[in-house]
């Protein structure tokens, strides 16, 4: 698994604010997440660090065969990315 963090301001998803992430599996695009999952609205993460923490949570689920690797707002809050 490989994680790439991006600023929405520099992508085709520029309508979104903040940061997002891409997850690649075996070198192929697997997840493109320009906004915070599991919460209302279409805002990106407030920082690159928050996007990375969320992406690592998803990667951990994939590594542990928890598929689909969905996430709840409670999980995101528990890792401190909804501040």
N, C-alpha and C. Protein backbone atom coordinates (compact mmCIF):
# COMPACT_ATOMS: atom_id res chain seq x y z
N UNK A 1 0.84 -1.18 0.00
CA UNK A 1 0.00 0.00 0.00
C UNK A 1 0.88 1.24 0.00
N UNK A 2 0.45 2.22 -0.75
CA UNK A 2 1.16 3.49 -0.81
C UNK A 2 0.14 4.61 -0.65
N UNK A 3 0.49 5.61 0.17
CA UNK A 3 -0.40 6.75 0.42
C UNK A 3 0.22 8.00 -0.19
N UNK A 4 -0.59 8.77 -0.87
CA UNK A 4 -0.18 10.09 -1.36
C UNK A 4 -1.19 11.10 -0.87
N UNK A 5 -0.70 12.16 -0.24
CA UNK A 5 -1.54 13.23 0.26
C UNK A 5 -1.52 14.36 -0.76
N UNK A 6 -2.66 15.03 -0.95
CA UNK A 6 -2.71 16.13 -1.91
C UNK A 6 -3.56 17.27 -1.37
N UNK A 7 -3.27 18.45 -1.85
CA UNK A 7 -4.09 19.62 -1.57
C UNK A 7 -5.16 19.70 -2.65
N UNK A 8 -6.40 19.81 -2.26
CA UNK A 8 -7.48 19.91 -3.25
C UNK A 8 -7.34 21.13 -4.13
N UNK A 9 -6.65 22.16 -3.65
CA UNK A 9 -6.47 23.38 -4.43
C UNK A 9 -5.65 23.14 -5.69
N UNK A 10 -4.89 22.05 -5.73
CA UNK A 10 -4.00 21.79 -6.86
C UNK A 10 -4.47 20.62 -7.73
N UNK A 11 -5.71 20.18 -7.54
CA UNK A 11 -6.20 19.02 -8.29
C UNK A 11 -7.50 19.35 -9.03
N UNK A 12 -7.97 18.38 -9.77
CA UNK A 12 -9.26 18.54 -10.45
C UNK A 12 -10.41 18.64 -9.46
N UNK A 13 -10.14 18.32 -8.19
CA UNK A 13 -11.15 18.41 -7.14
C UNK A 13 -11.09 19.76 -6.45
N UNK A 14 -10.68 20.79 -7.15
CA UNK A 14 -10.46 22.10 -6.52
C UNK A 14 -11.74 22.70 -5.95
N UNK A 15 -12.90 22.16 -6.27
CA UNK A 15 -14.14 22.64 -5.66
C UNK A 15 -14.16 22.30 -4.17
N UNK A 16 -13.39 21.31 -3.76
CA UNK A 16 -13.26 20.94 -2.36
C UNK A 16 -12.19 21.80 -1.72
N UNK A 17 -12.33 22.04 -0.43
CA UNK A 17 -11.30 22.75 0.33
C UNK A 17 -10.43 21.72 1.05
N UNK A 18 -9.25 22.12 1.46
CA UNK A 18 -8.43 21.28 2.33
C UNK A 18 -7.63 20.21 1.62
N UNK A 19 -7.39 19.14 2.35
CA UNK A 19 -6.49 18.06 1.92
C UNK A 19 -7.24 16.75 1.73
N UNK A 20 -6.72 15.91 0.85
CA UNK A 20 -7.27 14.59 0.61
C UNK A 20 -6.15 13.58 0.47
N UNK A 21 -6.51 12.35 0.15
CA UNK A 21 -5.49 11.32 -0.02
C UNK A 21 -5.89 10.33 -1.11
N UNK A 22 -4.84 9.73 -1.67
CA UNK A 22 -4.99 8.60 -2.59
C UNK A 22 -4.29 7.41 -1.96
N UNK A 23 -4.88 6.25 -2.12
CA UNK A 23 -4.25 5.00 -1.68
C UNK A 23 -4.10 4.13 -2.90
N UNK A 24 -2.88 3.62 -3.07
CA UNK A 24 -2.56 2.74 -4.19
C UNK A 24 -2.32 1.34 -3.64
N UNK A 25 -2.87 0.36 -4.30
CA UNK A 25 -2.72 -1.04 -3.94
C UNK A 25 -2.03 -1.74 -5.10
N UNK A 26 -0.87 -2.31 -4.84
CA UNK A 26 -0.07 -2.97 -5.88
C UNK A 26 0.20 -2.02 -7.05
N UNK A 27 0.44 -0.74 -6.71
CA UNK A 27 0.77 0.24 -7.73
C UNK A 27 -0.41 0.80 -8.51
N UNK A 28 -1.61 0.33 -8.21
CA UNK A 28 -2.81 0.77 -8.92
C UNK A 28 -3.65 1.65 -8.01
N UNK A 29 -4.31 2.68 -8.56
CA UNK A 29 -5.20 3.50 -7.74
C UNK A 29 -6.29 2.62 -7.11
N UNK A 30 -6.49 2.79 -5.81
CA UNK A 30 -7.47 1.99 -5.09
C UNK A 30 -8.54 2.89 -4.45
N UNK A 31 -8.10 3.95 -3.79
CA UNK A 31 -9.03 4.89 -3.15
C UNK A 31 -8.59 6.31 -3.45
N UNK A 32 -9.51 7.13 -3.92
CA UNK A 32 -9.29 8.56 -4.12
C UNK A 32 -10.26 9.26 -3.18
N UNK A 33 -9.75 9.97 -2.17
CA UNK A 33 -10.61 10.56 -1.15
C UNK A 33 -10.33 12.06 -1.01
N UNK A 34 -11.04 12.90 -1.78
CA UNK A 34 -10.80 14.34 -1.72
C UNK A 34 -11.50 15.04 -0.56
N UNK A 35 -12.45 14.36 0.11
CA UNK A 35 -13.16 14.97 1.23
C UNK A 35 -13.18 14.03 2.42
N UNK A 36 -13.55 14.56 3.57
CA UNK A 36 -13.58 13.75 4.80
C UNK A 36 -14.74 12.76 4.69
N UNK A 37 -14.45 11.47 4.78
CA UNK A 37 -15.52 10.47 4.70
C UNK A 37 -16.33 10.44 6.00
N UNK A 38 -17.55 9.99 5.93
CA UNK A 38 -18.41 9.72 7.08
C UNK A 38 -18.95 10.96 7.79
N UNK A 39 -18.72 12.14 7.23
CA UNK A 39 -19.29 13.35 7.81
C UNK A 39 -20.02 14.12 6.71
N UNK A 40 -20.96 14.93 7.09
CA UNK A 40 -21.70 15.71 6.10
C UNK A 40 -20.82 16.77 5.45
N UNK A 41 -21.19 17.15 4.27
CA UNK A 41 -20.44 18.18 3.56
C UNK A 41 -19.35 17.59 2.69
N UNK A 42 -18.69 18.47 2.00
CA UNK A 42 -17.68 18.03 1.05
C UNK A 42 -16.34 18.71 1.33
N UNK A 43 -16.02 18.92 2.59
CA UNK A 43 -14.76 19.55 2.94
C UNK A 43 -13.64 18.52 3.05
N UNK A 44 -12.46 18.94 2.66
CA UNK A 44 -11.29 18.11 2.84
C UNK A 44 -10.78 18.23 4.27
N UNK A 45 -9.74 17.49 4.58
CA UNK A 45 -9.13 17.55 5.90
C UNK A 45 -8.46 18.90 6.09
N UNK A 46 -8.39 19.37 7.33
CA UNK A 46 -7.83 20.69 7.62
C UNK A 46 -6.33 20.77 7.42
N UNK A 47 -5.65 19.63 7.46
CA UNK A 47 -4.20 19.64 7.30
C UNK A 47 -3.73 18.38 6.60
N UNK A 48 -2.52 18.47 6.10
CA UNK A 48 -1.88 17.31 5.48
C UNK A 48 -1.75 16.18 6.51
N UNK A 49 -1.41 16.54 7.74
CA UNK A 49 -1.25 15.55 8.81
C UNK A 49 -2.55 14.80 9.08
N UNK A 50 -3.68 15.51 9.11
CA UNK A 50 -4.97 14.86 9.35
C UNK A 50 -5.32 13.90 8.21
N UNK A 51 -5.05 14.33 6.99
CA UNK A 51 -5.32 13.45 5.84
C UNK A 51 -4.47 12.18 5.94
N UNK A 52 -3.20 12.34 6.33
CA UNK A 52 -2.31 11.18 6.45
C UNK A 52 -2.78 10.23 7.54
N UNK A 53 -3.21 10.76 8.68
CA UNK A 53 -3.71 9.91 9.77
C UNK A 53 -4.92 9.10 9.31
N UNK A 54 -5.84 9.75 8.61
CA UNK A 54 -7.04 9.06 8.12
C UNK A 54 -6.66 7.99 7.10
N UNK A 55 -5.74 8.32 6.20
CA UNK A 55 -5.30 7.35 5.19
C UNK A 55 -4.64 6.14 5.85
N UNK A 56 -3.85 6.38 6.89
CA UNK A 56 -3.20 5.27 7.59
C UNK A 56 -4.22 4.38 8.30
N UNK A 57 -5.29 4.98 8.82
CA UNK A 57 -6.37 4.19 9.42
C UNK A 57 -6.99 3.27 8.37
N UNK A 58 -7.25 3.80 7.20
CA UNK A 58 -7.81 3.01 6.11
C UNK A 58 -6.84 1.92 5.69
N UNK A 59 -5.56 2.26 5.58
CA UNK A 59 -4.55 1.26 5.20
C UNK A 59 -4.48 0.13 6.22
N UNK A 60 -4.60 0.48 7.49
CA UNK A 60 -4.59 -0.53 8.54
C UNK A 60 -5.76 -1.49 8.36
N UNK A 61 -6.91 -0.96 8.01
CA UNK A 61 -8.07 -1.83 7.77
C UNK A 61 -7.83 -2.75 6.57
N UNK A 62 -7.25 -2.21 5.51
CA UNK A 62 -6.96 -3.03 4.33
C UNK A 62 -5.98 -4.14 4.68
N UNK A 63 -4.92 -3.78 5.41
CA UNK A 63 -3.92 -4.79 5.82
C UNK A 63 -4.53 -5.89 6.67
N UNK A 64 -5.57 -5.54 7.44
CA UNK A 64 -6.23 -6.51 8.31
C UNK A 64 -7.47 -7.13 7.66
N UNK A 65 -7.57 -6.95 6.34
CA UNK A 65 -8.65 -7.57 5.56
C UNK A 65 -10.04 -7.13 6.00
N UNK A 66 -10.15 -5.88 6.45
CA UNK A 66 -11.45 -5.31 6.78
C UNK A 66 -11.92 -4.57 5.54
N UNK A 67 -12.75 -5.25 4.77
CA UNK A 67 -13.17 -4.73 3.47
C UNK A 67 -14.68 -4.72 3.37
N UNK A 68 -15.27 -3.69 2.81
CA UNK A 68 -14.61 -2.46 2.39
C UNK A 68 -14.07 -1.72 3.61
N UNK A 69 -13.04 -0.93 3.41
CA UNK A 69 -12.41 -0.24 4.55
C UNK A 69 -13.13 1.05 4.93
N UNK A 70 -14.43 0.94 5.23
CA UNK A 70 -15.20 2.13 5.57
C UNK A 70 -14.79 2.64 6.95
N UNK A 71 -15.12 3.88 7.20
CA UNK A 71 -14.73 4.52 8.45
C UNK A 71 -15.91 5.34 8.98
N UNK A 72 -16.04 5.40 10.28
CA UNK A 72 -17.13 6.17 10.90
C UNK A 72 -16.59 7.50 11.42
N UNK A 73 -17.50 8.42 11.65
CA UNK A 73 -17.08 9.71 12.21
C UNK A 73 -16.49 9.51 13.61
N UNK A 74 -16.97 8.53 14.33
CA UNK A 74 -16.42 8.24 15.67
C UNK A 74 -14.97 7.80 15.57
N UNK A 75 -14.66 6.95 14.58
CA UNK A 75 -13.27 6.52 14.39
C UNK A 75 -12.37 7.70 14.02
N UNK A 76 -12.87 8.55 13.13
CA UNK A 76 -12.07 9.72 12.73
C UNK A 76 -11.87 10.66 13.92
N UNK A 77 -12.89 10.83 14.73
CA UNK A 77 -12.75 11.67 15.91
C UNK A 77 -11.75 11.07 16.89
N UNK A 78 -11.73 9.75 17.01
CA UNK A 78 -10.83 9.09 17.97
C UNK A 78 -9.35 9.26 17.59
N UNK A 79 -9.07 9.49 16.30
CA UNK A 79 -7.67 9.73 15.91
C UNK A 79 -7.38 11.23 15.77
N UNK A 80 -8.35 12.06 16.12
CA UNK A 80 -8.13 13.50 16.21
C UNK A 80 -8.14 14.26 14.91
N UNK A 81 -8.80 13.76 13.88
CA UNK A 81 -8.76 14.45 12.59
C UNK A 81 -10.01 15.29 12.30
N UNK A 82 -10.93 15.35 13.24
CA UNK A 82 -12.14 16.14 13.03
C UNK A 82 -12.14 17.44 13.82
N UNK A 83 -11.00 17.83 14.34
CA UNK A 83 -10.90 19.06 15.15
C UNK A 83 -11.17 20.28 14.32
